Protein backbone atom coordinates (compact mmCIF):
# COMPACT_ATOMS: atom_id res chain seq x y z
CA PHE A 1 30.22 3.07 21.79
CA SER A 2 32.56 0.08 21.95
CA PHE A 3 35.71 -1.23 20.21
CA ASP A 4 37.11 -4.67 19.65
CA ILE A 5 40.74 -5.32 18.62
CA LYS A 6 41.05 -8.06 16.04
CA ASP A 7 43.61 -10.81 16.74
CA PHE A 8 44.83 -9.02 19.85
CA TYR A 9 47.02 -11.89 21.10
CA LEU A 10 48.18 -13.18 17.70
CA ASN A 11 49.64 -9.92 16.38
CA THR A 12 51.81 -9.02 19.36
CA PRO A 13 55.58 -9.36 18.72
CA LEU A 14 57.46 -11.20 21.45
CA ASP A 15 60.30 -9.44 23.26
CA ARG A 16 62.06 -12.81 23.51
CA ARG A 17 61.54 -15.50 20.93
CA GLU A 18 60.26 -18.90 22.01
CA TYR A 19 60.90 -22.37 20.56
CA MET A 20 58.89 -25.58 20.59
CA TRP A 21 58.47 -28.99 18.92
CA LEU A 22 55.55 -29.68 16.57
CA ALA A 23 54.48 -33.17 15.48
CA ARG A 24 53.75 -33.74 11.81
CA ASP A 25 50.06 -34.40 12.49
CA GLN A 26 49.82 -31.00 14.23
CA CYS A 27 50.80 -29.16 11.06
CA THR A 28 48.00 -28.18 8.71
CA ALA A 29 48.14 -28.85 5.00
CA GLU A 30 48.32 -25.10 4.35
CA SER A 31 51.37 -24.66 6.61
CA LEU A 32 53.17 -27.64 5.04
CA ALA A 33 52.55 -26.23 1.55
CA TYR A 34 53.59 -22.71 2.56
CA PHE A 35 56.92 -23.63 4.20
CA GLY A 36 57.73 -26.51 1.86
CA ASP A 37 61.37 -27.61 2.03
CA ARG A 38 62.16 -25.27 4.90
CA LEU A 39 60.60 -27.77 7.30
CA HIS A 40 63.03 -30.47 8.42
CA PHE A 41 61.30 -33.26 10.33
CA ILE A 42 63.19 -35.44 12.79
CA ASN A 43 61.22 -38.52 13.82
CA ASP A 44 58.06 -36.80 12.51
CA ARG A 45 58.75 -33.71 14.61
CA VAL A 46 59.95 -30.25 13.62
CA PHE A 47 61.58 -27.56 15.80
CA VAL A 48 59.94 -24.14 15.21
CA GLU A 49 60.58 -20.56 16.31
CA VAL A 50 57.71 -18.47 17.76
CA VAL A 51 58.04 -14.73 17.02
CA LYS A 52 54.51 -13.49 17.84
CA GLY A 53 51.92 -14.18 20.48
CA MET A 54 49.86 -17.34 20.10
CA TYR A 55 47.16 -19.20 21.96
CA SER A 56 48.32 -21.33 24.91
CA LEU A 57 51.45 -19.22 25.37
CA PRO A 58 51.32 -18.38 29.10
CA HIS A 59 52.64 -14.82 28.88
CA ALA A 60 50.97 -13.86 25.57
CA GLY A 61 48.21 -11.94 27.35
CA ARG A 62 50.58 -9.94 29.51
CA ILE A 63 52.81 -9.00 26.56
CA ALA A 64 49.80 -7.85 24.50
CA GLN A 65 48.43 -5.85 27.43
CA LEU A 66 51.72 -4.07 28.13
CA ARG A 67 52.15 -3.19 24.46
CA LEU A 68 48.66 -1.71 24.34
CA GLU A 69 49.16 0.28 27.55
CA ASP A 70 52.46 1.71 26.25
CA HIS A 71 50.78 2.76 23.02
CA LEU A 72 47.91 4.44 24.89
CA ALA A 73 50.32 6.22 27.25
CA GLU A 74 52.12 7.79 24.27
CA HIS A 75 48.83 9.54 23.45
CA ASP A 76 48.05 10.65 27.05
CA TYR A 77 45.69 7.81 28.00
CA VAL A 78 46.50 6.70 31.55
CA LYS A 79 45.17 4.21 34.06
CA ALA A 80 42.68 5.38 36.64
CA THR A 81 44.09 5.91 40.11
CA HIS A 82 42.17 3.18 41.92
CA THR A 83 40.27 1.05 39.40
CA PRO A 84 42.01 -1.69 37.37
CA GLY A 85 40.91 -1.79 33.75
CA LEU A 86 39.65 1.81 33.72
CA PHE A 87 41.49 4.40 31.60
CA ARG A 88 41.06 8.13 31.02
CA HIS A 89 42.65 10.85 28.93
CA LYS A 90 44.68 13.49 30.75
CA THR A 91 42.88 16.46 29.17
CA ARG A 92 39.90 15.08 27.23
CA SER A 93 36.52 13.91 28.54
CA SER A 94 36.83 10.30 27.44
CA PHE A 95 36.90 7.29 29.77
CA PHE A 96 36.92 3.65 28.77
CA THR A 97 37.02 0.22 30.34
CA LEU A 98 39.36 -2.40 28.89
CA VAL A 99 38.68 -6.13 29.33
CA VAL A 100 41.24 -8.12 27.30
CA ASP A 101 40.60 -6.53 23.86
CA ASP A 102 37.12 -5.04 24.39
CA PHE A 103 36.66 -1.30 24.97
CA LEU A 104 33.54 0.41 26.32
CA VAL A 105 33.87 4.18 25.91
CA LYS A 106 32.23 7.06 27.78
CA TYR A 107 32.64 10.54 26.31
CA GLN A 108 30.96 13.95 26.03
CA ASP A 109 32.60 15.48 22.95
CA PRO A 110 32.51 13.38 19.72
CA ALA A 111 35.98 14.70 18.92
CA ASP A 112 37.31 12.89 22.00
CA ALA A 113 35.83 9.61 20.80
CA ALA A 114 37.34 10.14 17.35
CA HIS A 115 40.75 10.78 18.94
CA LEU A 116 40.64 7.45 20.80
CA ARG A 117 39.57 5.63 17.65
CA ALA A 118 42.39 7.16 15.60
CA THR A 119 44.89 6.29 18.33
CA LEU A 120 43.96 2.60 18.23
CA GLU A 121 43.89 2.43 14.43
CA MET A 122 47.54 3.52 14.34
CA GLN A 123 48.56 0.08 15.59
CA TYR A 124 45.58 -2.28 15.48
CA GLU A 125 42.73 -3.38 13.29
CA ILE A 126 39.57 -2.62 15.23
CA THR A 127 35.83 -3.26 14.95
CA VAL A 128 33.57 -0.39 16.02
CA ASP A 129 30.04 -0.72 17.43
CA ASP A 130 28.48 2.75 17.46
CA THR A 131 25.24 1.50 19.02
CA THR A 132 26.92 -0.45 21.87
CA GLN A 133 24.20 -3.06 21.95
CA ARG A 134 26.46 -5.80 23.30
CA TYR A 135 29.46 -5.87 25.62
CA LEU A 136 31.06 -8.80 27.47
CA GLY A 137 28.05 -11.01 26.74
CA LEU A 138 25.58 -8.39 27.98
CA ASP A 139 22.88 -6.93 25.73
CA ILE A 140 22.49 -3.20 26.41
CA SER A 141 19.40 -1.25 25.38
CA TYR A 142 18.91 2.49 25.89
CA ASP A 143 15.39 3.90 26.14
CA ARG A 144 15.87 7.58 25.42
CA GLN A 145 12.25 8.44 26.12
CA ALA A 146 12.26 6.81 29.56
CA ARG A 147 15.92 7.75 30.11
CA SER A 148 16.87 4.27 31.23
CA ILE A 149 19.43 1.60 30.37
CA THR A 150 18.44 -2.07 30.53
CA ILE A 151 20.92 -4.96 30.61
CA THR A 152 19.90 -8.48 29.61
CA MET A 153 21.52 -11.80 28.65
CA PRO A 154 18.96 -13.40 26.30
CA GLY A 155 19.47 -17.08 25.68
CA TYR A 156 22.13 -17.51 28.38
CA VAL A 157 19.98 -19.68 30.68
CA GLU A 158 18.90 -21.91 27.80
CA GLN A 159 22.52 -22.41 26.77
CA ALA A 160 23.53 -23.21 30.35
CA LEU A 161 20.75 -25.79 30.70
CA THR A 162 21.81 -27.35 27.40
CA LYS A 163 25.43 -27.62 28.60
CA LEU A 164 24.19 -29.30 31.77
CA ASP A 165 22.02 -31.67 29.69
CA VAL A 166 18.93 -30.72 31.70
CA ASP A 167 15.47 -31.71 30.44
CA VAL A 168 13.55 -28.45 30.84
CA ALA A 169 10.16 -30.10 30.27
CA THR A 170 10.81 -32.45 33.18
CA ILE A 171 12.13 -30.01 35.78
CA CYS A 172 9.60 -27.26 34.97
CA ARG A 173 6.50 -29.19 35.90
CA GLY A 174 4.30 -26.99 38.02
CA ARG A 175 5.00 -23.44 39.09
CA HIS A 176 8.45 -22.30 40.25
CA ASP A 177 8.40 -18.89 41.91
CA THR A 178 11.36 -19.36 44.24
CA PRO A 179 14.86 -20.78 43.57
CA ALA A 180 15.15 -22.50 46.96
CA PRO A 181 12.78 -24.49 49.18
CA TYR A 182 11.15 -22.35 51.82
CA THR A 183 10.41 -23.67 55.31
CA PRO A 184 8.15 -21.29 57.28
CA PRO A 185 9.54 -20.59 60.77
CA SER A 186 7.69 -22.13 63.67
CA TYR A 187 6.95 -19.10 65.80
CA GLY A 188 6.71 -19.75 69.50
CA LYS A 189 9.04 -22.76 69.43
CA THR A 190 12.41 -22.51 71.10
CA GLU A 191 14.00 -24.81 68.50
CA GLN A 192 13.51 -24.97 64.73
CA PRO A 193 13.53 -28.28 62.79
CA PRO A 194 17.18 -29.33 62.24
CA VAL A 195 18.65 -30.36 58.90
CA THR A 196 19.52 -34.05 59.24
CA ASP A 197 20.45 -35.07 55.66
CA THR A 198 24.13 -36.06 55.63
CA THR A 199 24.11 -38.61 52.78
CA GLY A 200 26.99 -37.87 50.40
CA LEU A 201 26.92 -37.89 46.60
CA ASP A 202 29.04 -39.62 44.00
CA PRO A 203 31.69 -37.56 42.14
CA SER A 204 29.55 -37.13 39.00
CA ALA A 205 26.70 -35.56 40.97
CA GLN A 206 29.17 -33.29 42.76
CA THR A 207 30.61 -32.18 39.41
CA PHE A 208 27.10 -31.45 38.13
CA ILE A 209 26.41 -29.14 41.09
CA GLN A 210 29.72 -27.35 40.64
CA ARG A 211 29.07 -26.81 36.92
CA ALA A 212 25.55 -25.53 37.57
CA VAL A 213 26.77 -23.01 40.15
CA GLY A 214 29.65 -21.89 37.95
CA LEU A 215 27.53 -21.41 34.83
CA LEU A 216 24.81 -19.33 36.48
CA MET A 217 26.91 -17.29 38.92
CA TYR A 218 27.95 -14.69 36.32
CA TYR A 219 24.34 -14.43 35.15
CA SER A 220 23.15 -13.79 38.72
CA ARG A 221 25.90 -11.23 39.34
CA ALA A 222 25.17 -9.30 36.17
CA VAL A 223 21.44 -9.60 35.58
CA ASP A 224 19.22 -11.81 37.76
CA THR A 225 19.92 -10.95 41.39
CA THR A 226 17.08 -13.21 42.60
CA LEU A 227 19.27 -16.27 41.94
CA TYR A 228 22.32 -14.98 43.75
CA THR A 229 21.59 -16.01 47.36
CA THR A 230 20.68 -19.56 46.37
CA LEU A 231 23.81 -19.92 44.24
CA CYS A 232 25.99 -18.67 47.10
CA ARG A 233 24.41 -21.16 49.46
CA LEU A 234 24.91 -24.03 47.00
CA GLY A 235 28.47 -22.86 46.42
CA SER A 236 29.21 -23.16 50.14
CA GLN A 237 27.94 -26.76 50.09
CA GLN A 238 29.47 -28.02 46.83
CA ALA A 239 32.65 -29.30 48.48
CA LYS A 240 30.61 -31.81 50.53
CA PRO A 241 27.22 -32.03 48.82
CA THR A 242 24.36 -34.21 50.03
CA ARG A 243 21.15 -35.43 48.46
CA ARG A 244 19.49 -32.30 49.81
CA THR A 245 22.06 -30.19 47.93
CA ARG A 246 21.21 -31.99 44.69
CA ARG A 247 17.48 -31.44 45.23
CA ASP A 248 18.10 -27.76 45.92
CA THR A 249 20.20 -27.53 42.74
CA ASP A 250 17.38 -29.05 40.69
CA LYS A 251 14.92 -26.55 42.16
CA MET A 252 17.26 -23.67 41.38
CA LEU A 253 17.58 -24.85 37.77
CA ALA A 254 13.80 -25.18 37.51
CA TYR A 255 13.40 -21.59 38.72
CA ALA A 256 16.02 -20.38 36.22
CA ALA A 257 14.27 -22.25 33.40
CA ALA A 258 10.92 -20.77 34.39
CA HIS A 259 12.38 -17.23 34.49
CA PRO A 260 15.09 -17.31 31.80
CA ASP A 261 15.14 -13.68 30.69
CA GLY A 262 16.06 -11.56 33.68
CA ALA A 263 16.72 -7.87 33.05
CA ILE A 264 18.05 -5.07 35.21
CA THR A 265 17.33 -1.39 34.57
CA PHE A 266 19.29 1.70 35.61
CA HIS A 267 17.57 5.07 35.95
CA PRO A 268 19.09 8.59 36.12
CA SER A 269 20.32 9.73 39.52
CA LYS A 270 22.85 12.02 41.15
CA MET A 271 25.32 9.13 41.09
CA GLN A 272 25.60 8.94 44.88
CA LEU A 273 26.19 5.47 46.29
CA ILE A 274 23.62 4.05 48.74
CA VAL A 275 24.24 0.79 50.62
CA HIS A 276 21.78 -1.52 52.39
CA SER A 277 23.12 -4.05 54.90
CA ASP A 278 21.37 -6.85 56.77
CA THR A 279 22.00 -10.25 58.29
CA SER A 280 20.15 -13.44 59.20
CA HIS A 281 21.23 -14.53 62.68
CA LEU A 282 22.26 -18.21 63.05
CA SER A 283 20.36 -19.22 59.89
CA GLU A 284 23.20 -21.37 58.51
CA THR A 285 24.58 -24.70 59.65
CA GLU A 286 27.11 -24.94 62.47
CA ALA A 287 25.72 -21.84 64.24
CA ARG A 288 26.72 -19.47 61.46
CA SER A 289 24.97 -16.38 60.12
CA ARG A 290 24.43 -15.07 56.58
CA LEU A 291 24.99 -11.46 55.62
CA GLY A 292 23.46 -9.57 52.73
CA GLY A 293 24.19 -6.30 50.97
CA TYR A 294 22.74 -4.21 48.15
CA GLU A 295 24.36 -1.20 46.47
CA PHE A 296 22.75 1.19 44.02
CA LEU A 297 23.10 4.78 42.82
CA GLY A 298 20.60 7.38 44.00
CA ASN A 299 20.16 10.77 45.60
CA THR A 300 21.36 10.98 49.20
CA THR A 301 19.41 14.21 49.80
CA ASP A 302 16.07 12.49 49.07
CA ASP A 303 14.05 10.21 51.31
CA LEU A 304 16.08 7.00 51.68
CA THR A 305 12.92 4.93 52.27
CA THR A 306 11.60 5.61 48.76
CA GLN A 307 14.65 4.92 46.58
CA ASN A 308 15.73 1.99 44.49
CA ASN A 309 17.74 1.51 41.30
CA GLY A 310 19.57 -1.21 39.42
CA SER A 311 22.10 -3.12 41.49
CA VAL A 312 25.69 -1.89 41.23
CA ASP A 313 26.84 -4.65 43.57
CA HIS A 314 25.16 -7.19 45.83
CA VAL A 315 26.55 -9.68 48.30
CA SER A 316 25.36 -12.77 50.12
CA GLY A 317 27.81 -14.72 52.22
CA ILE A 318 28.43 -16.51 55.49
CA ILE A 319 30.05 -14.43 58.21
CA ASP A 320 33.47 -15.97 58.82
CA CYS A 321 33.23 -15.94 62.61
CA LYS A 322 30.67 -17.15 65.12
CA VAL A 323 29.03 -14.44 67.15
CA THR A 324 26.98 -14.46 70.31
CA SER A 325 24.35 -11.82 69.55
CA ALA A 326 22.26 -10.51 66.67
CA HIS A 327 23.68 -6.99 66.90
CA THR A 328 27.23 -8.34 66.43
CA ASP A 329 26.00 -10.09 63.29
CA GLU A 330 24.64 -6.78 62.02
CA TYR A 331 27.93 -5.11 62.92
CA ALA A 332 29.89 -7.69 60.93
CA SER A 333 27.56 -7.38 57.94
CA ALA A 334 27.91 -3.59 57.94
CA PHE A 335 31.69 -3.98 58.08
CA VAL A 336 31.79 -6.28 55.02
CA ASN A 337 29.40 -4.09 53.04
CA ALA A 338 31.36 -0.94 53.89
CA GLN A 339 34.59 -2.52 52.69
CA ARG A 340 33.00 -3.51 49.37
CA ALA A 341 31.38 -0.10 49.03
CA SER A 342 34.75 1.59 49.55
CA ASN A 343 35.93 0.12 46.24
CA THR A 344 32.74 1.27 44.51
CA ARG A 345 33.22 4.78 45.90
CA LEU A 346 36.75 4.94 44.50
CA THR A 347 35.56 3.80 41.06
CA LEU A 348 32.84 6.45 41.02
CA GLU A 349 35.40 9.10 41.95
CA ASP A 350 37.72 7.85 39.20
CA LEU A 351 34.82 8.35 36.77
CA GLY A 352 34.37 11.94 37.91
CA TYR A 353 31.51 11.56 40.40
CA PRO A 354 32.69 12.82 43.83
CA GLN A 355 31.03 11.04 46.74
CA GLY A 356 29.73 12.55 49.92
CA ALA A 357 29.00 10.52 53.04
CA THR A 358 27.62 7.21 51.73
CA PRO A 359 24.44 6.14 53.55
CA LEU A 360 24.90 2.67 55.06
CA ILE A 361 21.39 1.54 55.98
CA MET A 362 20.80 -1.13 58.62
CA ASP A 363 17.77 -2.18 60.65
CA ASN A 364 19.44 -2.99 64.00
CA ALA A 365 19.37 0.04 66.28
CA THR A 366 21.91 -1.42 68.72
CA ALA A 367 24.56 -2.03 66.07
CA GLN A 368 23.89 1.37 64.53
CA GLY A 369 24.21 3.00 67.93
CA VAL A 370 27.51 1.28 68.68
CA ILE A 371 28.97 2.37 65.33
CA THR A 372 27.82 5.98 65.64
CA GLY A 373 28.77 6.24 69.33
CA SER A 374 25.25 6.84 70.63
CA THR A 375 25.26 3.47 72.43
CA ILE A 376 27.93 2.28 74.86
CA GLU A 377 28.35 -1.45 75.40
CA ARG A 378 30.78 -3.93 76.83
CA ARG A 379 32.49 -4.59 73.54
CA SER A 380 33.98 -7.99 72.91
CA LYS A 381 37.55 -8.27 71.75
CA ALA A 382 36.33 -9.76 68.46
CA VAL A 383 34.43 -6.56 67.71
CA ASP A 384 37.33 -4.36 68.83
CA ARG A 385 39.87 -6.26 66.75
CA ARG A 386 37.98 -6.82 63.51
CA TYR A 387 35.20 -4.33 62.98
CA LYS A 388 36.16 -1.02 64.62
CA TRP A 389 37.38 0.24 61.25
CA LEU A 390 33.76 1.05 60.39
CA ASP A 391 33.43 3.35 63.44
CA GLU A 392 36.36 5.39 62.17
CA GLN A 393 34.88 5.57 58.67
CA HIS A 394 31.66 6.95 60.14
CA ARG A 395 33.50 9.58 62.21
CA ARG A 396 35.47 10.68 59.14
CA GLY A 397 32.26 11.24 57.18
CA ILE A 398 32.97 8.57 54.57
CA PHE A 399 29.92 6.55 55.60
CA ALA A 400 26.76 7.74 57.32
CA VAL A 401 25.47 4.70 59.21
CA THR A 402 21.69 5.06 59.32
CA TRP A 403 18.89 3.06 60.91
CA LEU A 404 15.72 2.40 58.93
CA SER A 405 12.91 -0.03 59.58
CA GLY A 406 13.45 -3.52 58.22
CA LYS A 407 10.61 -3.21 55.70
CA TYR A 408 12.75 -0.69 53.77
CA ASN A 409 15.93 -2.78 53.87
CA LEU A 410 16.53 -4.31 50.43
CA ALA A 411 19.50 -6.35 51.70
CA ASP A 412 17.12 -8.60 53.65
CA PHE A 413 16.41 -10.38 50.36
CA PHE A 414 20.00 -11.68 50.23
CA THR A 415 20.11 -13.15 53.75
CA LYS A 416 17.72 -16.11 53.65
CA ASN A 417 15.26 -18.16 51.63
CA HIS A 418 11.87 -16.54 51.15
CA SER A 419 8.36 -17.63 50.32
CA ALA A 420 7.12 -17.81 46.73
CA ALA A 421 4.86 -14.80 47.28
CA HIS A 422 7.77 -12.71 48.53
CA HIS A 423 9.93 -13.75 45.56
CA ARG A 424 7.22 -12.77 43.11
CA ALA A 425 7.05 -9.37 44.73
CA MET A 426 10.81 -8.87 44.89
CA ARG A 427 11.31 -9.75 41.21
CA LYS A 428 9.33 -6.58 40.47
CA VAL A 429 11.67 -4.61 42.70
CA MET A 430 15.07 -6.11 41.86
CA LEU A 431 14.52 -6.71 38.15
CA SER A 432 12.95 -4.80 35.28
CA PRO A 433 10.56 -3.17 34.94
CA HIS A 434 10.54 -1.29 38.23
CA ASN A 435 9.98 2.24 39.41
CA PRO A 436 13.17 3.79 40.84
CA HIS A 437 11.13 5.55 43.54
CA ASP A 438 9.27 2.52 44.90
CA PRO A 439 10.48 1.04 48.22
CA LYS A 440 10.58 -2.74 48.33
CA GLY A 441 7.27 -3.00 46.44
CA CYS A 442 5.16 -3.42 49.57
CA VAL A 443 2.50 -0.87 48.65
CA SER A 444 2.71 0.32 45.07
CA TYR A 445 2.26 -3.12 43.53
CA GLY A 446 -1.12 -3.63 45.13
CA ARG A 447 -2.79 -6.14 47.35
CA SER A 448 -1.01 -9.27 46.12
CA THR A 449 2.38 -7.73 46.89
CA LEU A 450 1.24 -6.44 50.24
CA ARG A 451 0.52 -10.01 51.31
CA THR A 452 4.26 -10.58 51.45
CA THR A 453 4.43 -8.29 54.47
CA TYR A 454 1.75 -10.20 56.40
CA ARG A 455 4.08 -12.88 57.72
CA ALA A 456 6.86 -10.42 58.54
CA ASN A 457 4.46 -8.18 60.47
CA ALA A 458 2.18 -10.90 61.83
CA ARG A 459 3.49 -10.79 65.37
CA THR A 460 3.48 -6.98 65.46
CA THR A 461 -0.08 -6.89 64.12
CA THR A 462 -1.25 -9.47 66.65
CA ARG A 463 0.28 -7.55 69.55
CA ARG A 464 -1.34 -4.36 68.29
CA LEU A 465 -4.77 -6.03 68.28
CA GLN A 466 -4.28 -7.72 71.61
CA HIS A 467 -5.22 -5.57 74.53
CA HIS A 468 -1.89 -5.82 76.36
CA GLY A 469 -2.81 -9.10 77.99
CA HIS A 470 0.78 -10.33 78.53
CA ARG A 471 1.35 -11.28 82.14
CA GLY A 472 5.06 -10.48 82.42
CA ALA A 473 8.47 -11.66 81.34
CA ARG A 474 8.43 -14.75 83.55
CA ASP A 475 5.23 -16.04 82.02
CA GLN A 476 6.32 -17.87 78.87
CA ARG A 477 2.79 -18.57 77.67
CA PRO A 478 1.74 -16.86 74.40
CA LEU A 479 0.07 -13.47 74.44
CA ARG A 480 -3.68 -13.58 75.06
CA TYR A 481 -6.68 -11.39 74.43
CA HIS A 482 -8.79 -10.11 77.30
CA ARG A 483 -12.07 -11.96 77.20
CA THR A 484 -14.37 -10.61 74.49
CA PRO A 485 -17.76 -11.86 73.28
CA HIS A 486 -16.36 -13.72 70.26
CA GLU A 487 -14.29 -15.97 72.51
CA SER A 488 -17.45 -17.78 73.53
CA LEU A 489 -17.96 -18.88 69.90
CA PRO A 490 -16.94 -22.35 68.66
CA SER A 491 -13.28 -22.65 67.73
CA SER A 492 -13.89 -22.64 63.95
CA ALA A 493 -16.09 -19.55 64.08
CA ARG A 494 -13.67 -17.82 66.46
CA ALA A 495 -10.81 -18.51 64.02
CA ARG A 496 -12.74 -16.84 61.20
CA VAL A 497 -13.43 -13.78 63.35
CA LEU A 498 -9.77 -13.46 64.33
CA GLN A 499 -8.72 -13.86 60.70
CA ARG A 500 -10.94 -10.94 59.72
CA LEU A 501 -9.63 -8.86 62.60
CA THR A 502 -5.99 -9.34 61.60
CA ARG A 503 -6.50 -8.68 57.89
CA ILE A 504 -4.50 -5.71 56.55
CA ARG A 505 -5.69 -3.63 53.63
CA PRO A 506 -3.43 -1.23 51.65
CA THR A 507 -4.18 2.44 51.54
CA ALA A 508 -2.92 5.12 49.18
CA GLU A 509 -0.36 6.29 51.72
CA GLY A 510 0.89 2.78 52.36
CA SER A 511 -0.32 2.70 55.99
CA ASP A 512 -2.08 -0.25 57.63
CA ARG A 513 -5.83 -0.22 58.27
CA HIS A 514 -7.62 -2.98 60.18
CA GLY A 515 -10.96 -4.27 58.96
C-alpha cells in the first residue's frame, strides 16, 4: 500500500524564522480580513514573519525531510545502507520508499504496516491507498491469477502532445512502427552514406525539440523502453539541432502518438540480477560508438538464453572516448553496464535479496576473453587505465562475464535504429504482454517475427548455402557459388530460385530449415 502526507512542506516549523516584504496586491482578501489592523502597509508593502515552511522557500524541502527522518528514527525506522530514499525498520519486515511525501510500503506482516501507519499519524495527516493503484504518476495493476505486476501511464502521451501543441491527426498519417528513420546498411561497400545535413534551426525549433525530449524521457525510462534510444540520440543533438533533428523529432512524436499506451510487466523470479551489454561500433557521428544495456530480474541457475522480464534499468549512450576496435567498444560498454548494475545489486541487497555472481552477457568473444583472462592481448593504455576495474569484479565473483550469441542479446535493441519489422517484434518482447521465458521473440511469435532475423543472419545464411567458393583473403570480390544448373537461367528466374533457396522457415525448436 501507499501513503501520502498532506501539506508536507506547509506544516513544517522553521528552525529559524524568515522575513520578507509582501505587496498589497499579493495579499488575498481572506488574509486582509483575518489580520485586519495588525497589517501596517508602508508604500503598499507589508513586512511579514514566516514561521512555517512555504512554497518557493529554498530550504523548505530539506527542513521537512529532516523533521520526517528524525521522527521515523525515534521509532526505529532507518535509512538503507546504500540506497537513498529507501527505509527499513530495525526489527520488523517493513520497507518503504520515500519520494518527497509519497510512501510505497513493502511488508509481510499486517501488524508491521499498521505500526508504520500509526507512527506517521502521530505527527502528520496522511492519505492511505490500500490498493496501491497509483504511485509517482505510474498506474500499478496486480494480476493475482497470472502473478504479475503491470505498470502503465495512461494518458501521459496525449498530455505531452497537447503541451507541445502537436496535431496528432497530421503527424499520424500512415503507419508508424519505428520511432526513428531506418537506413538499411549497404553490405559489401567499404563506406556507408554520410550524414551531410548541417543546417541549423531557429531558437523556437530548438526549444520545441528540448521540450519533446524532456517530456517523454521519464515515460520511456519508466514504461515504454522502445522510445528510449531515439530520445537519447535526440538529446545528444539538441544543443546544435539541424533540420534532420527536427524531422527525427516529428517521427518520434508520430510513433509515440501511434503507440500511446505502453505497459511493462514484471513476473515472479528468484530476484537475481541479469545484465545484457552490447555496442554499435562507430555508428554515431565523429567516429563515436553507442552502447546499450538491459537489466532485469531472473534466475541465474536457468538457461540464460531463454529468460526475459520487465526492465529494471536500461541504458543507451555514446561512449565518451574514441576507440580503435570493436572489442574495445564492447569492453567499454560492459564497463558502463557493470557500474550501473553495481548500484542495482546494492539496492536489491538492501531489500533483502542477496546477490550471487551477476551474469553480464555480451556477444563479443574477444572482449569477454580479455575480461575473464582467457585471451591475452596487447592492451592499450586506455583500456588499462579506464576499464580494468571490470576484470577485478569478475575475479572477485561479483560479475560473471558470459558470452552468448548476438541473437540472444537484448541490449542490441538500445544500440542503433532498427527496421519497422524488428520494432514490431521487439515491442512484444520489451513491453506487455510478453512471456518471461521467451528469448528476443525470434521464434515463439511466429513467422512474421522470425523475418526480423533474416537481415541479421543474411550473410551467415548465404555463406552456409554457398559451397565455399571464396578464393582467399586477397580476393576482395564477393563470395560466389560453384557453377550449378540454375546459373544458366535468365537473371530474373535465377533471382527467384536463389530467393527460395535462402528462405528460412521456423520450426518448433527454433532451428533454421532451408526450403
